[in-house]
Amino acid sequence: MFSSRSSHVRNGAAAWWAVSSSRTRWTGVGSAALVLTLGATSAFVWISPSSTVNQALSTAAKTVLQADTVAEERADWEAEKESLLSEIDELEASIGVAKNNLKETNAQSAAIQQELWSVEGTLKALQSSRAENATVASPSKSNTPNTSSGPAAITAPSKAAIVNPASTYLGLYTEQAPFNWATYDSTATKVGSNPNVVGYFGGWDEDFRANAITRSWEKETLPILTWESRPIGSGNDQVEEPDYTLPAIIGDPEAGTPGTFDDYLHQYAKDIVATGLPLGIRLDHEMNGVWYPWSETDGQGNSINENRVGDFVAMWQHVHDIFAEEGANDLVIWIWAPNIINNLPATHQSSDFLDGLYPGDEYVDWVGLSGYLRPAYKPENDFTFSYTFDASLNELRRITNKPIFLTEIGASETGGHKAGWVTSLFESLAKPENDDIIGISWFNLAVTTYVEGERSTNDWRIDSRADSLAAFIEGLARPDSDFTLTAR
């Protein structure tokens, strides 16, 4: 039965497709309808939002569009990056120019400021002299010629007398002295005694300033110049000074190559001789530290400012020898003054390290120290003179028996130990074991700096607080004090 039915279906189908022309036309219409139906169905499937095909196509389209967008954005980003990098290069170049201009401006500003202080000081001196010489006007004018011999010549003790004083020196650093004495004199009035040393700073981009010396000796005060081999406007955080390296200063004696600054040094020495007046020079102080361009190494074995081990001594001797050629060493008291060793890198605290920086007794008249009571010292600090200075004084005495001048000292108010430290200072200076200390110079300024990233102001001034000032006055007045200062 199954096979006969199949045969019937096959036979009927063949007949339906091919029997007559009318059926042929119906066959065409049926084919077209079938194609249209299949097309409509396919279209419906393709355009249906829920269609898997449509979703796949949408996803593919989105991917293509996103890829195109990412490519465009990347191209835009690359272009923008190139533009920004170009701007950065331009800004870095501008910053470099600005830094150079700033360095030059700082130097000019410092020189102008010193000149201003000098002019102000001269003006005040003239006003004072005019007031002292003023007389009551007479009824008639006199035609008698002025027979006065003019101002008295400026005089000063000999270098030998200065180097070996009969009593202890007291010096001050202030903002303006010796170009203007206002702050210096104000502090002297508060202390009740006239200091007899004035400290000031100078750079190697400055000519010798004779008025600093003449103005000091007019006041019967020994001038001590802290002479730094760098521009006067350089910041204290600027360790690299490519134009002021120790090798550049020294030159190459074996090859007969002079130092870069030889002409400058010769002229400086000649200008000192022209005054005929003595002065102290603290050349490149705190050389055992790691914060100045004339230091040799950074404590990690790395060179500072292209300097080599042994260059500091060679530089010092080179400068000293040039001054000797010009006859200036008859007037200059050479002061070798390292920093106290307490807070230096371990490698810089050793005796061998300090020995390697000492130029030799024939090149030095005094040895000195910079030392401060600072708020950020080590835990073992007991806030006494002994903690601050004893270890370093022992090193100086081991190296030489030259007189000791504490060339730059001070105490911060931070922590509340200043008055006690000042009392300890004068107690220690009166001890027999410190008889070789022939003077101190107090850094009488308030300075704001960054310490471990925090801005901090250390008020080093003698009169920063009433108890600190009182301790200073009492120390100078001690019966066993070796200060013999004139009363203010």
Protein backbone atom coordinates (compact mmCIF):
# COMPACT_ATOMS: atom_id res chain seq x y z
CA MET A 1 0.00 0.00 0.00
CA PHE A 2 2.80 2.30 0.91
CA SER A 3 4.60 1.81 -2.39
CA SER A 4 1.51 2.33 -4.58
CA ARG A 5 0.73 5.54 -2.77
CA SER A 6 4.21 6.80 -3.37
CA SER A 7 3.97 5.99 -7.02
CA HIS A 8 0.74 7.93 -7.27
CA VAL A 9 2.24 10.98 -5.72
CA ARG A 10 5.24 10.89 -7.99
CA ASN A 11 3.02 10.46 -11.08
CA GLY A 12 0.62 13.22 -10.02
CA ALA A 13 3.44 15.65 -9.42
CA ALA A 14 4.98 15.05 -12.78
CA ALA A 15 1.69 15.62 -14.44
CA TRP A 16 1.06 18.86 -12.53
CA TRP A 17 4.28 20.36 -13.68
CA ALA A 18 4.33 19.42 -17.28
CA VAL A 19 0.94 18.51 -18.76
CA SER A 20 -0.28 21.74 -20.52
CA SER A 21 0.65 25.37 -21.35
CA SER A 22 -1.92 26.70 -18.86
CA ARG A 23 -0.30 24.71 -16.18
CA THR A 24 3.05 26.09 -17.29
CA ARG A 25 1.78 29.63 -16.69
CA TRP A 26 0.51 28.63 -13.28
CA THR A 27 3.89 27.10 -12.64
CA GLY A 28 5.58 30.49 -13.29
CA VAL A 29 3.12 32.32 -11.09
CA GLY A 30 3.68 29.82 -8.33
CA SER A 31 7.44 30.13 -8.60
CA ALA A 32 7.25 33.90 -8.39
CA ALA A 33 4.94 33.73 -5.40
CA LEU A 34 7.30 31.31 -3.73
CA VAL A 35 10.29 33.60 -4.30
CA LEU A 36 8.35 36.62 -3.01
CA THR A 37 7.25 34.70 0.05
CA LEU A 38 10.78 33.53 0.77
CA GLY A 39 12.12 37.08 0.21
CA ALA A 40 9.50 38.61 2.49
CA THR A 41 10.23 36.03 5.13
CA SER A 42 13.95 36.67 4.86
CA ALA A 43 13.45 40.41 5.01
CA PHE A 44 11.25 40.07 8.05
CA VAL A 45 13.87 37.90 9.72
CA TRP A 46 16.66 40.35 8.86
CA ILE A 47 14.87 43.51 9.96
CA SER A 48 13.33 42.13 13.12
CA PRO A 49 15.02 43.74 16.15
CA SER A 50 14.87 40.49 18.03
CA SER A 51 16.41 38.63 15.13
CA THR A 52 19.66 36.82 15.87
CA VAL A 53 20.90 37.79 12.46
CA ASN A 54 19.99 41.42 12.98
CA GLN A 55 21.65 41.43 16.38
CA ALA A 56 24.79 39.85 14.93
CA LEU A 57 24.86 42.41 12.15
CA SER A 58 24.29 45.26 14.61
CA THR A 59 27.10 44.00 16.80
CA ALA A 60 29.40 43.72 13.83
CA ALA A 61 28.46 47.21 12.67
CA LYS A 62 29.01 48.64 16.10
CA THR A 63 32.41 46.94 16.29
CA VAL A 64 33.41 48.40 12.96
CA LEU A 65 32.17 51.84 13.97
CA GLN A 66 33.91 51.61 17.33
CA ALA A 67 37.12 50.52 15.65
CA ASP A 68 36.86 53.47 13.28
CA THR A 69 36.14 55.78 16.20
CA VAL A 70 39.04 54.40 18.27
CA ALA A 71 41.34 54.77 15.27
CA GLU A 72 40.20 58.34 14.77
CA GLU A 73 40.48 59.09 18.48
CA ARG A 74 43.93 57.49 18.59
CA ALA A 75 45.03 59.57 15.63
CA ASP A 76 43.64 62.67 17.34
CA TRP A 77 45.33 61.65 20.61
CA GLU A 78 48.65 61.07 18.87
CA ALA A 79 48.40 64.47 17.23
CA GLU A 80 47.48 66.09 20.52
CA LYS A 81 50.31 64.25 22.27
CA GLU A 82 52.80 65.48 19.69
CA SER A 83 51.45 68.99 20.14
CA LEU A 84 51.75 68.74 23.93
CA LEU A 85 55.25 67.31 23.72
CA SER A 86 56.20 70.19 21.48
CA GLU A 87 54.71 72.62 24.02
CA ILE A 88 56.62 70.87 26.82
CA ASP A 89 59.87 71.23 24.89
CA GLU A 90 59.15 74.92 24.37
CA LEU A 91 58.27 75.37 28.05
CA GLU A 92 61.41 73.56 29.20
CA ALA A 93 63.46 75.79 26.96
CA SER A 94 61.66 78.82 28.37
CA ILE A 95 62.27 77.57 31.91
CA GLY A 96 65.97 77.18 31.15
CA VAL A 97 66.14 80.73 29.87
CA ALA A 98 64.11 81.95 32.86
CA LYS A 99 66.45 80.18 35.29
CA ASN A 100 69.48 81.79 33.69
CA ASN A 101 67.75 85.17 33.72
CA LEU A 102 66.69 84.64 37.34
CA LYS A 103 70.22 83.76 38.37
CA GLU A 104 71.48 86.91 36.69
CA THR A 105 68.63 88.94 38.18
CA ASN A 106 69.33 87.57 41.67
CA ALA A 107 72.97 88.52 41.36
CA GLN A 108 72.06 91.99 40.12
CA SER A 109 69.45 92.36 42.85
CA ALA A 110 71.93 91.38 45.55
CA ALA A 111 74.51 93.82 44.21
CA ILE A 112 71.91 96.61 43.97
CA GLN A 113 70.70 95.86 47.50
CA GLN A 114 74.22 96.07 48.88
CA GLU A 115 74.79 99.30 46.98
CA LEU A 116 71.53 100.67 48.39
CA TRP A 117 72.58 99.78 51.92
CA SER A 118 75.93 101.41 51.30
CA VAL A 119 74.36 104.62 50.02
CA GLU A 120 71.85 104.68 52.88
CA GLY A 121 74.66 104.18 55.37
CA THR A 122 76.77 106.91 53.80
CA LEU A 123 73.80 109.29 53.83
CA LYS A 124 73.14 108.64 57.52
CA ALA A 125 76.83 109.12 58.30
CA LEU A 126 76.83 112.45 56.46
CA GLN A 127 73.66 113.54 58.25
CA SER A 128 75.17 112.62 61.59
CA SER A 129 78.43 114.41 60.78
CA ARG A 130 76.52 117.49 59.64
CA ALA A 131 74.52 117.55 62.86
CA GLU A 132 77.65 117.22 64.98
CA ASN A 133 79.43 120.03 63.12
CA ALA A 134 76.48 122.42 63.04
CA THR A 135 77.00 125.73 64.94
CA VAL A 136 74.80 128.69 65.78
CA ALA A 137 74.82 131.15 62.87
CA SER A 138 76.83 134.31 63.53
CA PRO A 139 75.49 137.78 62.63
CA SER A 140 78.07 138.26 59.90
CA LYS A 141 79.76 135.87 57.52
CA SER A 142 83.44 135.21 57.87
CA ASN A 143 85.77 135.20 54.92
CA THR A 144 88.42 133.28 56.84
CA PRO A 145 89.49 130.31 54.70
CA ASN A 146 88.86 126.83 55.97
CA THR A 147 92.15 125.54 57.33
CA SER A 148 90.89 122.18 58.57
CA SER A 149 92.95 119.20 57.44
CA GLY A 150 89.91 117.16 56.36
CA PRO A 151 88.78 113.81 57.72
CA ALA A 152 91.22 111.82 59.82
CA ALA A 153 92.95 108.91 58.17
CA ILE A 154 91.44 105.51 58.85
CA THR A 155 93.69 103.37 60.99
CA ALA A 156 93.62 99.75 62.11
CA PRO A 157 95.74 97.39 64.21
CA SER A 158 98.40 95.29 62.54
CA LYS A 159 97.60 91.82 61.29
CA ALA A 160 99.77 90.32 64.05
CA ALA A 161 97.80 92.17 66.73
CA ILE A 162 94.52 91.05 65.22
CA VAL A 163 95.54 87.41 64.93
CA ASN A 164 96.58 87.24 68.59
CA PRO A 165 94.09 89.48 70.43
CA ALA A 166 94.29 90.45 74.09
CA SER A 167 90.60 89.64 74.63
CA THR A 168 87.75 87.74 72.98
CA TYR A 169 86.06 89.13 69.89
CA LEU A 170 82.29 89.53 69.57
CA GLY A 171 80.94 89.71 66.04
CA LEU A 172 77.52 90.05 64.41
CA TYR A 173 75.98 89.22 61.07
CA THR A 174 73.01 91.42 60.24
CA GLU A 175 71.02 92.06 57.06
CA GLN A 176 72.93 95.16 55.99
CA ALA A 177 76.19 95.74 57.87
CA PRO A 178 78.76 96.97 57.09
CA PHE A 179 76.96 98.87 54.33
CA ASN A 180 74.35 100.11 56.78
CA TRP A 181 74.70 99.86 60.56
CA ALA A 182 71.06 100.31 61.58
CA THR A 183 70.29 96.73 62.71
CA TYR A 184 73.84 96.18 63.94
CA ASP A 185 73.70 99.26 66.17
CA SER A 186 70.18 98.47 67.35
CA THR A 187 71.28 95.02 68.52
CA ALA A 188 74.37 96.49 70.17
CA THR A 189 72.16 98.92 72.09
CA LYS A 190 69.96 96.07 73.34
CA VAL A 191 73.00 94.05 74.41
CA GLY A 192 74.62 97.10 76.02
CA SER A 193 78.03 96.51 74.40
CA ASN A 194 79.66 97.39 71.09
CA PRO A 195 80.66 94.32 69.06
CA ASN A 196 84.09 94.60 67.44
CA VAL A 197 83.66 92.26 64.45
CA VAL A 198 81.23 92.48 61.56
CA GLY A 199 80.55 89.55 59.24
CA TYR A 200 79.27 89.84 55.70
CA PHE A 201 79.09 87.74 52.51
CA GLY A 202 80.46 88.17 49.02
CA GLY A 203 80.44 86.18 45.77
CA TRP A 204 82.98 85.69 43.02
CA ASP A 205 80.90 87.64 40.54
CA GLU A 206 81.55 90.78 42.64
CA ASP A 207 84.56 93.06 42.62
CA PHE A 208 86.28 93.84 45.90
CA ARG A 209 84.21 96.32 47.89
CA ALA A 210 86.62 98.67 49.59
CA ASN A 211 83.84 100.56 51.36
CA ALA A 212 83.03 97.44 53.41
CA ILE A 213 86.54 97.62 54.85
CA THR A 214 86.79 101.37 55.29
CA ARG A 215 83.35 101.65 56.88
CA SER A 216 84.20 98.86 59.31
CA TRP A 217 87.49 100.35 60.47
CA GLU A 218 85.90 103.78 60.80
CA LYS A 219 83.84 102.02 63.46
CA GLU A 220 86.96 100.30 64.89
CA THR A 221 85.48 96.98 63.84
CA LEU A 222 87.24 94.05 62.18
CA PRO A 223 85.49 93.08 58.91
CA ILE A 224 85.30 89.36 58.12
CA LEU A 225 84.25 88.49 54.59
CA THR A 226 82.69 85.10 53.97
CA TRP A 227 83.93 84.76 50.41
CA GLU A 228 82.00 82.18 48.39
CA SER A 229 83.29 80.92 45.03
CA ARG A 230 79.90 81.27 43.34
CA PRO A 231 77.61 84.15 42.30
CA ILE A 232 76.30 86.24 45.20
CA GLY A 233 72.71 85.63 44.07
CA SER A 234 72.90 81.83 44.14
CA GLY A 235 70.40 80.09 46.36
CA ASN A 236 71.59 77.98 49.26
CA ASP A 237 69.90 74.95 47.71
CA GLN A 238 71.96 75.29 44.52
CA VAL A 239 74.83 72.81 44.75
CA GLU A 240 75.77 72.63 41.08
CA GLU A 241 77.56 75.69 39.67
CA PRO A 242 79.20 74.52 36.42
CA ASP A 243 81.12 77.77 35.93
CA TYR A 244 82.61 77.65 39.43
CA THR A 245 84.04 74.17 39.82
CA LEU A 246 87.19 73.68 41.87
CA PRO A 247 89.10 72.28 38.85
CA ALA A 248 88.18 75.42 36.88
CA ILE A 249 89.53 77.64 39.67
CA ILE A 250 92.75 75.64 39.98
CA GLY A 251 93.55 75.29 36.29
CA ASP A 252 96.32 72.86 35.35
CA PRO A 253 99.64 74.01 36.83
CA GLU A 254 101.59 71.12 35.29
CA ALA A 255 100.37 72.06 31.82
CA GLY A 256 100.79 75.75 32.51
CA THR A 257 97.06 76.36 32.17
CA PRO A 258 95.86 79.21 34.43
CA GLY A 259 92.69 79.00 36.48
CA THR A 260 89.53 80.55 35.07
CA PHE A 261 89.49 83.19 37.82
CA ASP A 262 93.21 84.03 38.03
CA ASP A 263 92.81 87.55 36.62
CA TYR A 264 89.89 88.20 38.94
CA LEU A 265 91.87 86.97 41.96
CA HIS A 266 94.93 89.05 41.11
CA GLN A 267 92.81 92.20 40.82
CA TYR A 268 90.94 91.41 44.02
CA ALA A 269 94.22 91.07 45.90
CA LYS A 270 95.53 94.33 44.42
CA ASP A 271 92.39 96.14 45.54
CA ILE A 272 92.86 94.86 49.09
CA VAL A 273 96.44 96.13 49.12
CA ALA A 274 95.22 99.52 47.89
CA THR A 275 93.15 100.01 51.05
CA GLY A 276 96.09 99.29 53.35
CA LEU A 277 93.57 97.89 55.85
CA PRO A 278 93.31 94.34 57.22
CA LEU A 279 90.33 92.03 56.95
CA GLY A 280 89.44 88.43 57.66
CA ILE A 281 88.49 86.14 54.78
CA ARG A 282 86.50 82.99 55.49
CA LEU A 283 87.00 81.33 52.13
CA ASP A 284 84.45 78.70 51.06
CA HIS A 285 83.23 77.81 54.54
CA GLU A 286 81.61 74.55 55.67
CA MET A 287 83.57 72.67 53.04
CA ASN A 288 83.10 69.39 54.94
CA GLY A 289 79.35 69.52 54.33
CA VAL A 290 77.41 68.44 51.25
CA TRP A 291 75.43 71.59 50.48
CA TYR A 292 77.86 73.94 48.72
CA PRO A 293 79.40 73.87 45.20
CA TRP A 294 82.91 73.74 46.67
CA SER A 295 82.24 70.53 48.60
CA GLU A 296 84.02 67.51 47.14
CA THR A 297 81.66 64.54 47.68
CA ASP A 298 78.07 63.95 48.75
CA GLY A 299 78.60 61.26 51.36
CA GLN A 300 77.70 58.51 48.88
CA GLY A 301 80.99 58.61 47.02
CA ASN A 302 79.62 60.88 44.28
CA SER A 303 81.30 64.05 43.09
CA ILE A 304 79.73 67.43 43.81
CA ASN A 305 79.94 70.01 41.02
CA GLU A 306 82.60 67.98 39.16
CA ASN A 307 85.03 68.42 42.07
CA ARG A 308 87.66 65.79 42.83
CA VAL A 309 89.06 64.61 46.13
CA GLY A 310 91.95 66.91 47.01
CA ASP A 311 90.66 69.83 44.94
CA PHE A 312 89.60 71.93 47.92
CA VAL A 313 93.11 72.11 49.34
CA ALA A 314 94.55 72.79 45.88
CA MET A 315 92.02 75.59 45.33
CA TRP A 316 92.74 77.20 48.71
CA GLN A 317 96.49 77.11 48.16
CA HIS A 318 96.07 78.48 44.64
CA VAL A 319 94.08 81.49 45.85
CA HIS A 320 96.46 82.06 48.77
CA ASP A 321 99.48 81.96 46.45
CA ILE A 322 97.98 84.55 44.11
CA PHE A 323 97.36 86.85 47.07
CA ALA A 324 100.94 86.29 48.19
CA GLU A 325 102.20 87.40 44.76
CA GLU A 326 100.29 90.67 45.14
CA GLY A 327 101.36 91.26 48.76
CA ALA A 328 97.79 90.95 50.08
CA ASN A 329 98.57 88.30 52.68
CA ASP A 330 100.13 90.96 54.88
CA LEU A 331 96.59 92.24 55.38
CA VAL A 332 94.38 89.13 55.09
CA ILE A 333 93.58 86.87 58.04
CA TRP A 334 92.79 83.54 56.37
CA ILE A 335 90.07 81.63 58.22
CA TRP A 336 89.50 77.91 57.52
CA ALA A 337 86.07 77.17 58.97
CA PRO A 338 84.37 73.77 58.53
CA ASN A 339 80.91 72.92 59.82
CA ILE A 340 80.45 71.11 63.13
CA ILE A 341 80.52 67.38 62.48
CA ASN A 342 77.48 66.29 64.55
CA ASN A 343 74.94 66.14 61.76
CA LEU A 344 77.12 65.33 58.74
CA PRO A 345 77.01 62.06 56.79
CA ALA A 346 78.99 59.35 58.59
CA THR A 347 81.72 59.42 55.94
CA HIS A 348 82.20 63.15 56.54
CA GLN A 349 82.57 62.87 60.31
CA SER A 350 85.85 60.97 60.21
CA SER A 351 89.19 62.52 61.11
CA ASP A 352 90.71 61.39 57.81
CA PHE A 353 88.04 63.22 55.84
CA LEU A 354 88.61 66.51 57.67
CA ASP A 355 92.40 66.11 57.41
CA GLY A 356 92.01 65.92 53.63
CA LEU A 357 90.42 69.38 53.55
CA TYR A 358 93.00 71.27 55.63
CA PRO A 359 95.35 73.40 53.47
CA GLY A 360 98.20 73.45 56.01
CA ASP A 361 99.30 75.82 58.77
CA GLU A 362 101.27 78.02 56.37
CA TYR A 363 98.04 78.78 54.52
CA VAL A 364 95.78 79.46 57.52
CA ASP A 365 95.76 82.09 60.30
CA TRP A 366 92.64 81.05 62.22
CA VAL A 367 90.48 77.96 62.21
CA GLY A 368 86.77 78.28 62.85
CA LEU A 369 83.44 76.52 63.01
CA SER A 370 79.85 77.02 61.97
CA GLY A 371 77.58 75.63 64.65
CA TYR A 372 73.95 76.13 65.66
CA LEU A 373 71.41 74.91 68.15
CA ARG A 374 68.83 73.54 65.71
CA PRO A 375 65.37 72.11 66.45
CA ALA A 376 65.91 69.01 64.29
CA TYR A 377 69.06 67.69 65.91
CA LYS A 378 69.64 64.12 67.09
CA PRO A 379 67.85 62.66 70.13
CA GLU A 380 71.03 62.71 72.25
CA ASN A 381 71.23 66.50 71.96
CA ASP A 382 71.18 67.92 75.47
CA PHE A 383 71.03 71.53 74.18
CA THR A 384 74.43 72.54 75.53
CA PHE A 385 77.55 74.12 74.08
CA SER A 386 79.39 70.87 74.72
CA TYR A 387 77.06 68.80 72.56
CA THR A 388 77.13 71.37 69.76
CA PHE A 389 80.86 72.06 69.64
CA ASP A 390 83.10 69.74 71.69
CA ALA A 391 83.56 66.92 69.16
CA SER A 392 84.40 69.43 66.42
CA LEU A 393 86.71 71.49 68.65
CA ASN A 394 88.63 68.31 69.45
CA GLU A 395 89.11 67.73 65.73
CA LEU A 396 90.40 71.27 65.17
CA ARG A 397 92.85 70.94 68.04
CA ARG A 398 94.05 67.60 66.70
CA ILE A 399 94.76 69.18 63.30
CA THR A 400 96.42 72.41 64.43
CA ASN A 401 97.12 74.75 67.32
CA LYS A 402 95.93 77.83 65.43
CA PRO A 403 93.57 80.22 67.29
CA ILE A 404 89.89 79.23 67.03
CA PHE A 405 87.18 81.67 65.98
CA LEU A 406 83.57 80.43 66.09
CA THR A 407 82.82 82.17 62.82
CA GLU A 408 79.07 81.55 62.54
CA ILE A 409 76.91 80.53 65.48
CA GLY A 410 73.32 80.90 66.60
CA ALA A 411 70.39 79.26 68.36
CA SER A 412 66.81 78.70 67.24
CA GLU A 413 63.85 79.53 69.45
CA THR A 414 62.07 76.37 68.22
CA GLY A 415 61.96 73.89 71.07
CA GLY A 416 62.36 76.44 73.84
CA HIS A 417 66.05 75.74 74.65
CA LYS A 418 67.67 78.93 73.35
CA ALA A 419 68.18 80.84 76.60
CA GLY A 420 69.71 77.80 78.29
CA TRP A 421 71.99 77.18 75.32
CA VAL A 422 73.20 80.80 75.37
CA THR A 423 74.01 80.50 79.08
CA SER A 424 75.90 77.27 78.35
CA LEU A 425 77.83 79.05 75.58
CA PHE A 426 79.25 81.72 77.87
CA GLU A 427 79.90 79.26 80.69
CA SER A 428 81.96 77.13 78.31
CA LEU A 429 83.89 80.06 76.82
CA ALA A 430 85.04 80.93 80.35
CA LYS A 431 86.56 77.47 80.93
CA PRO A 432 90.38 77.22 80.76
CA GLU A 433 90.24 74.42 78.16
CA ASN A 434 88.62 76.89 75.75
CA ASP A 435 91.23 79.64 76.10
CA ASP A 436 92.16 79.08 72.46
CA ILE A 437 88.73 80.33 71.34
CA ILE A 438 89.49 83.96 70.52
CA GLY A 439 86.07 85.05 69.28
CA ILE A 440 82.51 84.32 68.22
CA SER A 441 80.33 85.81 65.50
CA TRP A 442 76.57 85.56 66.01
CA PHE A 443 74.22 85.08 63.05
CA ASN A 444 71.68 87.71 64.03
CA LEU A 445 68.90 87.03 61.50
CA ALA A 446 65.57 85.22 61.26
CA VAL A 447 65.59 82.83 58.31
CA THR A 448 62.78 80.81 56.75
CA THR A 449 63.78 77.56 55.05
CA TYR A 450 62.36 74.15 54.19
CA VAL A 451 63.28 71.35 56.60
CA GLU A 452 62.18 67.85 55.52
CA GLY A 453 59.60 69.40 53.21
CA GLU A 454 58.12 71.66 55.88
CA ARG A 455 58.60 75.41 55.86
CA SER A 456 60.21 76.49 59.11
CA THR A 457 61.44 79.82 60.44
CA ASN A 458 64.44 79.81 62.74
CA ASP A 459 64.83 83.03 64.67
CA TRP A 460 68.56 83.20 65.37
CA ARG A 461 68.48 86.81 66.59
CA ILE A 462 69.95 87.65 69.97
CA ASP A 463 66.80 89.53 70.96
CA SER A 464 64.31 86.98 69.61
CA ARG A 465 62.82 86.68 73.13
CA ALA A 466 63.36 88.54 76.36
CA ASP A 467 64.90 85.53 78.14
CA SER A 468 67.30 84.86 75.25
CA LEU A 469 68.45 88.49 75.26
CA ALA A 470 68.84 88.44 79.04
CA ALA A 471 70.99 85.30 78.84
CA PHE A 472 73.23 86.99 76.29
CA ILE A 473 73.62 90.14 78.38
CA GLU A 474 74.39 88.11 81.50
CA GLY A 475 76.92 86.01 79.61
CA LEU A 476 78.88 89.03 78.40
CA ALA A 477 78.85 90.47 81.95
CA ARG A 478 80.17 87.33 83.67
CA PRO A 479 83.14 88.11 85.98
CA ASP A 480 85.16 85.37 84.30
CA SER A 481 84.25 86.57 80.79
CA ASP A 482 87.15 87.50 78.54
CA PHE A 483 85.09 89.99 76.52
CA THR A 484 86.35 93.53 77.04
CA LEU A 485 83.89 95.48 74.94
CA THR A 486 83.09 99.16 75.15
CA ALA A 487 79.75 99.95 76.77
CA ARG A 488 76.94 101.02 74.51
